[in-house]
Amino acid sequence: MKKTKYTLSEIMRKNKNFFSRESMNFFNSKVNMNQQTQNNFNMFITSEKFDYNSPRLYTIRIFLKENYICTFSDFQQFETLSQAKKELKKITNIFKDIENNECFLENEIINNLKYVDYKNDIYILEGKVENETKILKIDTDNKRWFY
């Protein structure tokens, strides 16, 4: 199943509000430019800093095909860029396993992703498949996915 891959510049053009100078300044946000091009799922890392006394913290984001950016991990879940990159690699490896194993339902959920949540170290992905909402859960620590 072919995925649509965008460059980070294309994602930024399609999401002017998210990446506007005003938004980026308000959240003291930065985008890690290297990460997005390493996978087919249009995921990237942002960092935000609440104020000058707060640490910079990192968040994994996903660009959905409806030109919408969704927070994939918990907001500011990671204390370091290295931790965020490590988790992003785990996520993309699971996505690649799903694609390589031709898991139809899992691929359809990912391709039609509408919502992501993160609870108890499990990513919960919600997508529409044949007009029905389906849930896929991903456990990156144990390298598995389930319903």
C-alpha atoms as a PDB file:
ATOM      1  CA  MET A   1       0.000   0.000   0.000  1.00  0.00           C
ATOM      2  CA  LYS A   2       1.605   3.247  -1.116  1.00  0.00           C
ATOM      3  CA  LYS A   3       1.904   6.058   1.397  1.00  0.00           C
ATOM      4  CA  THR A   4       2.128   9.720   0.511  1.00  0.00           C
ATOM      5  CA  LYS A   5       5.391  11.192   1.657  1.00  0.00           C
ATOM      6  CA  TYR A   6       5.850  14.934   1.953  1.00  0.00           C
ATOM      7  CA  THR A   7       8.927  16.967   2.654  1.00  0.00           C
ATOM      8  CA  LEU A   8       8.830  19.032   5.811  1.00  0.00           C
ATOM      9  CA  SER A   9       8.702  22.173   3.639  1.00  0.00           C
ATOM     10  CA  GLU A  10       5.552  20.869   1.920  1.00  0.00           C
ATOM     11  CA  ILE A  11       3.966  20.049   5.279  1.00  0.00           C
ATOM     12  CA  MET A  12       4.799  23.547   6.502  1.00  0.00           C
ATOM     13  CA  ARG A  13       3.181  25.099   3.394  1.00  0.00           C
ATOM     14  CA  LYS A  14       0.034  22.998   3.867  1.00  0.00           C
ATOM     15  CA  ASN A  15      -0.219  23.959   7.566  1.00  0.00           C
ATOM     16  CA  LYS A  16       0.482  27.665   7.680  1.00  0.00           C
ATOM     17  CA  ASN A  17      -1.356  28.196  10.978  1.00  0.00           C
ATOM     18  CA  PHE A  18       0.584  25.501  12.823  1.00  0.00           C
ATOM     19  CA  PHE A  19       3.918  26.774  11.504  1.00  0.00           C
ATOM     20  CA  SER A  20       3.168  30.496  11.468  1.00  0.00           C
ATOM     21  CA  ARG A  21       5.765  32.765  13.020  1.00  0.00           C
ATOM     22  CA  GLU A  22       3.175  33.812  15.625  1.00  0.00           C
ATOM     23  CA  SER A  23       2.387  30.214  16.650  1.00  0.00           C
ATOM     24  CA  MET A  24       6.017  29.175  16.713  1.00  0.00           C
ATOM     25  CA  ASN A  25       6.947  32.203  18.830  1.00  0.00           C
ATOM     26  CA  PHE A  26       3.975  31.847  21.181  1.00  0.00           C
ATOM     27  CA  PHE A  27       4.899  28.226  22.006  1.00  0.00           C
ATOM     28  CA  ASN A  28       8.638  28.923  21.681  1.00  0.00           C
ATOM     29  CA  SER A  29       8.527  25.992  19.269  1.00  0.00           C
ATOM     30  CA  LYS A  30      11.213  24.466  17.056  1.00  0.00           C
ATOM     31  CA  VAL A  31      11.021  21.720  14.439  1.00  0.00           C
ATOM     32  CA  ASN A  32      13.641  19.014  14.140  1.00  0.00           C
ATOM     33  CA  MET A  33      14.319  19.155  10.398  1.00  0.00           C
ATOM     34  CA  ASN A  34      16.171  15.836  10.013  1.00  0.00           C
ATOM     35  CA  GLN A  35      13.632  13.358  11.318  1.00  0.00           C
ATOM     36  CA  GLN A  36      10.685  13.619   8.936  1.00  0.00           C
ATOM     37  CA  THR A  37      12.437  12.352   5.826  1.00  0.00           C
ATOM     38  CA  GLN A  38      13.448   9.069   7.470  1.00  0.00           C
ATOM     39  CA  ASN A  39      10.038   7.433   7.251  1.00  0.00           C
ATOM     40  CA  ASN A  40       6.996   7.140   5.012  1.00  0.00           C
ATOM     41  CA  PHE A  41       4.474   8.268   7.587  1.00  0.00           C
ATOM     42  CA  ASN A  42       5.164  12.002   7.621  1.00  0.00           C
ATOM     43  CA  MET A  43       6.190  12.099  11.268  1.00  0.00           C
ATOM     44  CA  PHE A  44       8.466  14.681  12.811  1.00  0.00           C
ATOM     45  CA  ILE A  45       9.558  16.071  16.161  1.00  0.00           C
ATOM     46  CA  THR A  46       8.827  19.491  17.614  1.00  0.00           C
ATOM     47  CA  SER A  47      10.103  21.038  20.806  1.00  0.00           C
ATOM     48  CA  GLU A  48       8.493  23.654  22.984  1.00  0.00           C
ATOM     49  CA  LYS A  49       9.664  25.672  25.930  1.00  0.00           C
ATOM     50  CA  PHE A  50       7.070  27.214  28.244  1.00  0.00           C
ATOM     51  CA  ASP A  51       9.261  30.081  29.430  1.00  0.00           C
ATOM     52  CA  TYR A  52      12.916  30.907  29.943  1.00  0.00           C
ATOM     53  CA  ASN A  53      13.004  29.036  33.260  1.00  0.00           C
ATOM     54  CA  SER A  54      11.457  25.856  31.812  1.00  0.00           C
ATOM     55  CA  PRO A  55      13.323  23.088  30.018  1.00  0.00           C
ATOM     56  CA  ARG A  56      12.833  22.500  26.304  1.00  0.00           C
ATOM     57  CA  LEU A  57      10.719  19.346  25.882  1.00  0.00           C
ATOM     58  CA  TYR A  58       9.984  17.255  22.777  1.00  0.00           C
ATOM     59  CA  THR A  59       6.838  15.947  21.063  1.00  0.00           C
ATOM     60  CA  ILE A  60       6.303  13.505  18.177  1.00  0.00           C
ATOM     61  CA  ARG A  61       3.834  14.772  15.550  1.00  0.00           C
ATOM     62  CA  ILE A  62       2.184  13.123  12.564  1.00  0.00           C
ATOM     63  CA  PHE A  63       0.911  14.822   9.418  1.00  0.00           C
ATOM     64  CA  LEU A  64      -2.448  13.394   8.369  1.00  0.00           C
ATOM     65  CA  LYS A  65      -3.554  13.361   4.768  1.00  0.00           C
ATOM     66  CA  GLU A  66      -6.321  15.883   5.497  1.00  0.00           C
ATOM     67  CA  ASN A  67      -3.551  18.475   5.938  1.00  0.00           C
ATOM     68  CA  TYR A  68      -3.836  18.254   9.686  1.00  0.00           C
ATOM     69  CA  ILE A  69      -1.033  17.830  12.214  1.00  0.00           C
ATOM     70  CA  CYS A  70      -1.782  15.616  15.181  1.00  0.00           C
ATOM     71  CA  THR A  71       0.250  15.175  18.354  1.00  0.00           C
ATOM     72  CA  PHE A  72       1.288  11.517  18.243  1.00  0.00           C
ATOM     73  CA  SER A  73       3.063  11.210  21.574  1.00  0.00           C
ATOM     74  CA  ASP A  74       1.967  13.002  24.708  1.00  0.00           C
ATOM     75  CA  PHE A  75       2.635  16.716  24.413  1.00  0.00           C
ATOM     76  CA  GLN A  76       6.204  17.351  25.608  1.00  0.00           C
ATOM     77  CA  GLN A  77       6.580  13.678  26.516  1.00  0.00           C
ATOM     78  CA  PHE A  78      10.352  13.562  26.011  1.00  0.00           C
ATOM     79  CA  GLU A  79      13.019  15.371  27.980  1.00  0.00           C
ATOM     80  CA  THR A  80      15.645  15.092  25.244  1.00  0.00           C
ATOM     81  CA  LEU A  81      15.731  15.074  21.466  1.00  0.00           C
ATOM     82  CA  SER A  82      17.571  11.763  21.655  1.00  0.00           C
ATOM     83  CA  GLN A  83      14.664  10.154  23.566  1.00  0.00           C
ATOM     84  CA  ALA A  84      12.139  11.485  21.039  1.00  0.00           C
ATOM     85  CA  LYS A  85      14.225  10.223  18.089  1.00  0.00           C
ATOM     86  CA  LYS A  86      14.553   6.789  19.693  1.00  0.00           C
ATOM     87  CA  GLU A  87      10.782   6.525  20.194  1.00  0.00           C
ATOM     88  CA  LEU A  88      10.071   7.796  16.679  1.00  0.00           C
ATOM     89  CA  LYS A  89      12.353   5.090  15.303  1.00  0.00           C
ATOM     90  CA  LYS A  90      10.426   2.440  17.279  1.00  0.00           C
ATOM     91  CA  ILE A  91       7.106   3.749  15.957  1.00  0.00           C
ATOM     92  CA  THR A  92       8.228   3.866  12.340  1.00  0.00           C
ATOM     93  CA  ASN A  93       9.710   0.357  12.619  1.00  0.00           C
ATOM     94  CA  ILE A  94       6.351  -0.975  13.816  1.00  0.00           C
ATOM     95  CA  PHE A  95       4.576   0.894  10.994  1.00  0.00           C
ATOM     96  CA  LYS A  96       7.026  -0.645   8.508  1.00  0.00           C
ATOM     97  CA  ASP A  97       6.438  -4.129   9.982  1.00  0.00           C
ATOM     98  CA  ILE A  98       2.695  -3.624   9.561  1.00  0.00           C
ATOM     99  CA  GLU A  99       3.195  -2.528   5.955  1.00  0.00           C
ATOM    100  CA  ASN A 100       5.691  -5.297   5.124  1.00  0.00           C
ATOM    101  CA  ASN A 101       3.451  -7.980   6.634  1.00  0.00           C
ATOM    102  CA  GLU A 102       0.559  -6.700   4.509  1.00  0.00           C
ATOM    103  CA  CYS A 103      -1.725  -6.386   7.526  1.00  0.00           C
ATOM    104  CA  PHE A 104      -4.746  -4.971   5.691  1.00  0.00           C
ATOM    105  CA  LEU A 105      -6.806  -3.656   8.611  1.00  0.00           C
ATOM    106  CA  GLU A 106      -3.795  -2.152  10.380  1.00  0.00           C
ATOM    107  CA  ASN A 107      -2.661  -0.431   7.175  1.00  0.00           C
ATOM    108  CA  GLU A 108      -6.154   0.940   6.582  1.00  0.00           C
ATOM    109  CA  ILE A 109      -6.317   2.373  10.104  1.00  0.00           C
ATOM    110  CA  ILE A 110      -2.926   4.061   9.662  1.00  0.00           C
ATOM    111  CA  ASN A 111      -3.829   5.351   6.181  1.00  0.00           C
ATOM    112  CA  ASN A 112      -7.148   6.756   7.432  1.00  0.00           C
ATOM    113  CA  LEU A 113      -5.941   7.952  10.805  1.00  0.00           C
ATOM    114  CA  LYS A 114      -8.259  10.435  12.530  1.00  0.00           C
ATOM    115  CA  TYR A 115      -7.071  10.478  16.113  1.00  0.00           C
ATOM    116  CA  VAL A 116      -4.117   9.393  18.271  1.00  0.00           C
ATOM    117  CA  ASP A 117      -3.928   9.072  22.045  1.00  0.00           C
ATOM    118  CA  TYR A 118      -1.232   7.831  24.408  1.00  0.00           C
ATOM    119  CA  LYS A 119      -2.196   6.030  27.627  1.00  0.00           C
ATOM    120  CA  ASN A 120      -0.259   3.663  29.886  1.00  0.00           C
ATOM    121  CA  ASP A 121       2.678   3.481  27.430  1.00  0.00           C
ATOM    122  CA  ILE A 122       0.357   2.430  24.562  1.00  0.00           C
ATOM    123  CA  TYR A 123      -0.381   4.482  21.443  1.00  0.00           C
ATOM    124  CA  ILE A 124      -4.066   4.298  20.527  1.00  0.00           C
ATOM    125  CA  LEU A 125      -4.782   4.994  16.869  1.00  0.00           C
ATOM    126  CA  GLU A 126      -8.320   5.551  15.635  1.00  0.00           C
ATOM    127  CA  GLY A 127      -9.136   5.403  11.939  1.00  0.00           C
ATOM    128  CA  LYS A 128     -12.105   4.986   9.630  1.00  0.00           C
ATOM    129  CA  VAL A 129     -12.238   1.729   7.669  1.00  0.00           C
ATOM    130  CA  GLU A 130     -15.238   1.186   5.393  1.00  0.00           C
ATOM    131  CA  ASN A 131     -17.183   3.906   7.266  1.00  0.00           C
ATOM    132  CA  GLU A 132     -16.556   2.219  10.605  1.00  0.00           C
ATOM    133  CA  THR A 133     -14.257   3.476  13.353  1.00  0.00           C
ATOM    134  CA  LYS A 134     -11.481   0.998  14.153  1.00  0.00           C
ATOM    135  CA  ILE A 135      -8.892   1.113  16.931  1.00  0.00           C
ATOM    136  CA  LEU A 136      -5.277  -0.085  16.699  1.00  0.00           C
ATOM    137  CA  LYS A 137      -3.032  -0.131  19.764  1.00  0.00           C
ATOM    138  CA  ILE A 138       0.761  -0.013  19.502  1.00  0.00           C
ATOM    139  CA  ASP A 139       3.160  -0.995  22.267  1.00  0.00           C
ATOM    140  CA  THR A 140       6.597   0.228  21.173  1.00  0.00           C
ATOM    141  CA  ASP A 141       8.429  -1.166  24.202  1.00  0.00           C
ATOM    142  CA  ASN A 142       7.334  -4.726  23.378  1.00  0.00           C
ATOM    143  CA  LYS A 143       7.340  -4.166  19.594  1.00  0.00           C
ATOM    144  CA  ARG A 144       3.760  -5.317  19.049  1.00  0.00           C
ATOM    145  CA  TRP A 145       0.367  -4.100  17.928  1.00  0.00           C
ATOM    146  CA  PHE A 146      -3.129  -5.315  18.800  1.00  0.00           C
ATOM    147  CA  TYR A 147      -6.831  -4.347  18.822  1.00  0.00           C
END
